Amino acid sequence: MRIKYSPHARKRLRERKINQDEVLIVLHHPGNKIYASRNRSRNRIIANKKFNSYTLEVVYVIENEQTIIITLYYL
């Protein structure tokens, strides 16, 4: 799986001090995953996983065999 971070997602990684290894865990072994679409051309996937005292949520799309991270945040 090729992973690309949008400029917005890279900014959020830095601001929120999110570990990229945890992002990979969420993508490969999500605790929960839902499919949401803002429009017909881009189906967004929202995956999350609980780590100890927090939950990491990752919003992404899959295009041309590439996973593009849109945004990520702690719940």
N, C-alpha and C. Protein backbone atom coordinates (compact mmCIF):
# COMPACT_ATOMS: atom_id res chain seq x y z
N MET A 1 0.84 -1.17 0.00
CA MET A 1 0.00 0.00 0.00
C MET A 1 0.90 1.24 0.00
N ARG A 2 0.78 2.04 -1.04
CA ARG A 2 1.51 3.31 -1.10
C ARG A 2 0.69 4.37 -0.38
N ILE A 3 1.35 5.11 0.50
CA ILE A 3 0.66 6.11 1.31
C ILE A 3 1.22 7.49 1.00
N LYS A 4 0.30 8.44 0.80
CA LYS A 4 0.69 9.82 0.54
C LYS A 4 -0.11 10.69 1.51
N TYR A 5 0.55 11.67 2.09
CA TYR A 5 -0.11 12.60 3.00
C TYR A 5 -0.41 13.89 2.25
N SER A 6 -1.63 14.39 2.35
CA SER A 6 -1.96 15.69 1.77
C SER A 6 -1.20 16.76 2.55
N PRO A 7 -1.03 17.94 1.98
CA PRO A 7 -0.37 19.02 2.73
C PRO A 7 -1.07 19.30 4.07
N HIS A 8 -2.40 19.24 4.05
CA HIS A 8 -3.17 19.45 5.28
C HIS A 8 -2.83 18.38 6.32
N ALA A 9 -2.77 17.12 5.88
CA ALA A 9 -2.47 16.01 6.81
C ALA A 9 -1.05 16.14 7.37
N ARG A 10 -0.10 16.54 6.55
CA ARG A 10 1.28 16.74 7.05
C ARG A 10 1.33 17.82 8.13
N LYS A 11 0.57 18.88 7.90
CA LYS A 11 0.50 19.95 8.89
C LYS A 11 -0.09 19.44 10.20
N ARG A 12 -1.15 18.66 10.10
CA ARG A 12 -1.79 18.10 11.31
C ARG A 12 -0.88 17.12 12.04
N LEU A 13 -0.09 16.34 11.28
CA LEU A 13 0.88 15.43 11.92
C LEU A 13 1.82 16.21 12.83
N ARG A 14 2.34 17.32 12.30
CA ARG A 14 3.29 18.13 13.08
C ARG A 14 2.59 18.82 14.26
N GLU A 15 1.46 19.48 13.98
CA GLU A 15 0.76 20.24 15.02
C GLU A 15 0.30 19.36 16.17
N ARG A 16 -0.19 18.19 15.84
CA ARG A 16 -0.77 17.31 16.86
C ARG A 16 0.19 16.25 17.36
N LYS A 17 1.43 16.30 16.84
CA LYS A 17 2.48 15.35 17.24
C LYS A 17 1.99 13.90 17.15
N ILE A 18 1.42 13.59 15.99
CA ILE A 18 0.89 12.24 15.75
C ILE A 18 2.01 11.38 15.18
N ASN A 19 2.13 10.18 15.70
CA ASN A 19 3.15 9.23 15.29
C ASN A 19 2.72 8.53 14.00
N GLN A 20 3.57 8.56 12.97
CA GLN A 20 3.22 7.93 11.69
C GLN A 20 3.08 6.42 11.81
N ASP A 21 3.77 5.80 12.75
CA ASP A 21 3.61 4.36 12.96
C ASP A 21 2.19 4.04 13.41
N GLU A 22 1.62 4.92 14.24
CA GLU A 22 0.24 4.70 14.69
C GLU A 22 -0.74 4.89 13.53
N VAL A 23 -0.43 5.80 12.62
CA VAL A 23 -1.28 5.98 11.44
C VAL A 23 -1.31 4.68 10.63
N LEU A 24 -0.15 4.07 10.46
CA LEU A 24 -0.09 2.80 9.73
C LEU A 24 -0.89 1.71 10.42
N ILE A 25 -0.84 1.68 11.74
CA ILE A 25 -1.62 0.69 12.50
C ILE A 25 -3.10 0.91 12.27
N VAL A 26 -3.54 2.17 12.29
CA VAL A 26 -4.96 2.46 12.05
C VAL A 26 -5.36 2.01 10.65
N LEU A 27 -4.51 2.25 9.66
CA LEU A 27 -4.84 1.87 8.29
C LEU A 27 -4.90 0.36 8.11
N HIS A 28 -3.97 -0.36 8.72
CA HIS A 28 -3.89 -1.81 8.52
C HIS A 28 -4.78 -2.61 9.47
N HIS A 29 -5.03 -2.08 10.67
CA HIS A 29 -5.81 -2.80 11.67
C HIS A 29 -6.78 -1.85 12.39
N PRO A 30 -7.72 -1.28 11.66
CA PRO A 30 -8.62 -0.32 12.30
C PRO A 30 -9.55 -1.00 13.30
N GLY A 31 -9.89 -0.25 14.34
CA GLY A 31 -10.89 -0.74 15.28
C GLY A 31 -12.27 -0.58 14.69
N ASN A 32 -12.43 0.46 13.88
CA ASN A 32 -13.70 0.76 13.24
C ASN A 32 -13.42 1.47 11.92
N LYS A 33 -14.24 1.22 10.91
CA LYS A 33 -14.05 1.85 9.61
C LYS A 33 -15.43 2.12 9.01
N ILE A 34 -15.62 3.37 8.55
CA ILE A 34 -16.87 3.70 7.87
C ILE A 34 -16.55 4.36 6.53
N TYR A 35 -17.46 4.22 5.60
CA TYR A 35 -17.31 4.81 4.28
C TYR A 35 -18.25 5.99 4.18
N ALA A 36 -17.70 7.14 3.86
CA ALA A 36 -18.49 8.36 3.74
C ALA A 36 -18.14 9.03 2.43
N SER A 37 -19.12 9.58 1.76
CA SER A 37 -18.81 10.26 0.50
C SER A 37 -19.34 11.68 0.56
N ARG A 38 -18.47 12.61 0.20
CA ARG A 38 -18.89 14.01 0.10
C ARG A 38 -19.49 14.24 -1.28
N ASN A 39 -18.94 13.56 -2.25
CA ASN A 39 -19.49 13.61 -3.60
C ASN A 39 -19.22 12.26 -4.25
N ARG A 40 -19.74 12.04 -5.40
CA ARG A 40 -19.66 10.72 -6.02
C ARG A 40 -18.26 10.35 -6.48
N SER A 41 -17.40 11.34 -6.72
CA SER A 41 -16.09 11.02 -7.27
C SER A 41 -15.06 10.67 -6.19
N ARG A 42 -15.27 11.08 -4.95
CA ARG A 42 -14.28 10.80 -3.90
C ARG A 42 -14.97 10.17 -2.71
N ASN A 43 -14.82 8.88 -2.55
CA ASN A 43 -15.36 8.19 -1.40
C ASN A 43 -14.34 8.19 -0.28
N ARG A 44 -14.65 8.88 0.77
CA ARG A 44 -13.74 8.98 1.91
C ARG A 44 -13.97 7.82 2.85
N ILE A 45 -12.89 7.40 3.46
CA ILE A 45 -12.94 6.32 4.44
C ILE A 45 -12.45 6.92 5.75
N ILE A 46 -13.19 6.66 6.81
CA ILE A 46 -12.82 7.14 8.14
C ILE A 46 -12.54 5.93 9.00
N ALA A 47 -11.28 5.80 9.41
CA ALA A 47 -10.87 4.66 10.23
C ALA A 47 -10.35 5.17 11.56
N ASN A 48 -10.62 4.42 12.62
CA ASN A 48 -10.06 4.81 13.90
C ASN A 48 -9.64 3.59 14.71
N LYS A 49 -8.81 3.85 15.70
CA LYS A 49 -8.33 2.78 16.58
C LYS A 49 -8.01 3.40 17.93
N LYS A 50 -8.38 2.68 18.97
CA LYS A 50 -8.11 3.13 20.33
C LYS A 50 -6.72 2.69 20.75
N PHE A 51 -5.94 3.64 21.26
CA PHE A 51 -4.62 3.39 21.82
C PHE A 51 -4.68 3.85 23.27
N ASN A 52 -4.47 2.97 24.21
CA ASN A 52 -4.48 3.31 25.64
C ASN A 52 -5.58 4.30 25.99
N SER A 53 -5.25 5.57 26.16
CA SER A 53 -6.24 6.54 26.64
C SER A 53 -6.78 7.46 25.54
N TYR A 54 -6.46 7.20 24.30
CA TYR A 54 -6.94 8.07 23.22
C TYR A 54 -7.29 7.24 21.99
N THR A 55 -8.05 7.85 21.09
CA THR A 55 -8.42 7.23 19.83
C THR A 55 -7.89 8.10 18.70
N LEU A 56 -7.23 7.47 17.75
CA LEU A 56 -6.72 8.18 16.58
C LEU A 56 -7.66 7.90 15.41
N GLU A 57 -8.12 8.96 14.76
CA GLU A 57 -9.00 8.83 13.61
C GLU A 57 -8.27 9.36 12.37
N VAL A 58 -8.35 8.60 11.28
CA VAL A 58 -7.68 8.94 10.03
C VAL A 58 -8.72 8.96 8.92
N VAL A 59 -8.75 10.06 8.17
CA VAL A 59 -9.67 10.21 7.03
C VAL A 59 -8.83 10.12 5.76
N TYR A 60 -9.21 9.22 4.85
CA TYR A 60 -8.41 9.02 3.65
C TYR A 60 -9.27 8.58 2.48
N VAL A 61 -8.67 8.62 1.29
CA VAL A 61 -9.29 8.11 0.08
C VAL A 61 -8.28 7.17 -0.59
N ILE A 62 -8.78 6.30 -1.43
CA ILE A 62 -7.91 5.42 -2.23
C ILE A 62 -8.12 5.79 -3.68
N GLU A 63 -7.03 6.23 -4.32
CA GLU A 63 -7.07 6.62 -5.73
C GLU A 63 -5.86 6.04 -6.44
N ASN A 64 -6.10 5.40 -7.56
CA ASN A 64 -5.01 4.85 -8.37
C ASN A 64 -4.04 4.00 -7.54
N GLU A 65 -4.61 3.10 -6.76
CA GLU A 65 -3.83 2.18 -5.92
C GLU A 65 -2.93 2.91 -4.92
N GLN A 66 -3.33 4.09 -4.52
CA GLN A 66 -2.57 4.88 -3.57
C GLN A 66 -3.52 5.37 -2.48
N THR A 67 -3.09 5.27 -1.22
CA THR A 67 -3.88 5.77 -0.11
C THR A 67 -3.45 7.20 0.16
N ILE A 68 -4.41 8.12 0.10
CA ILE A 68 -4.12 9.53 0.33
C ILE A 68 -4.78 9.95 1.64
N ILE A 69 -3.95 10.30 2.62
CA ILE A 69 -4.45 10.73 3.91
C ILE A 69 -4.92 12.18 3.78
N ILE A 70 -6.19 12.43 4.12
CA ILE A 70 -6.79 13.75 4.02
C ILE A 70 -6.52 14.54 5.32
N THR A 71 -6.85 13.93 6.44
CA THR A 71 -6.64 14.54 7.74
C THR A 71 -6.60 13.46 8.80
N LEU A 72 -6.13 13.82 9.99
CA LEU A 72 -6.04 12.89 11.10
C LEU A 72 -6.09 13.67 12.40
N TYR A 73 -6.68 13.06 13.41
CA TYR A 73 -6.87 13.76 14.68
C TYR A 73 -7.15 12.76 15.79
N TYR A 74 -6.97 13.23 17.02
CA TYR A 74 -7.30 12.44 18.20
C TYR A 74 -8.71 12.76 18.63
N LEU A 75 -9.41 11.74 19.08
CA LEU A 75 -10.76 11.93 19.62
C LEU A 75 -10.66 11.95 21.14
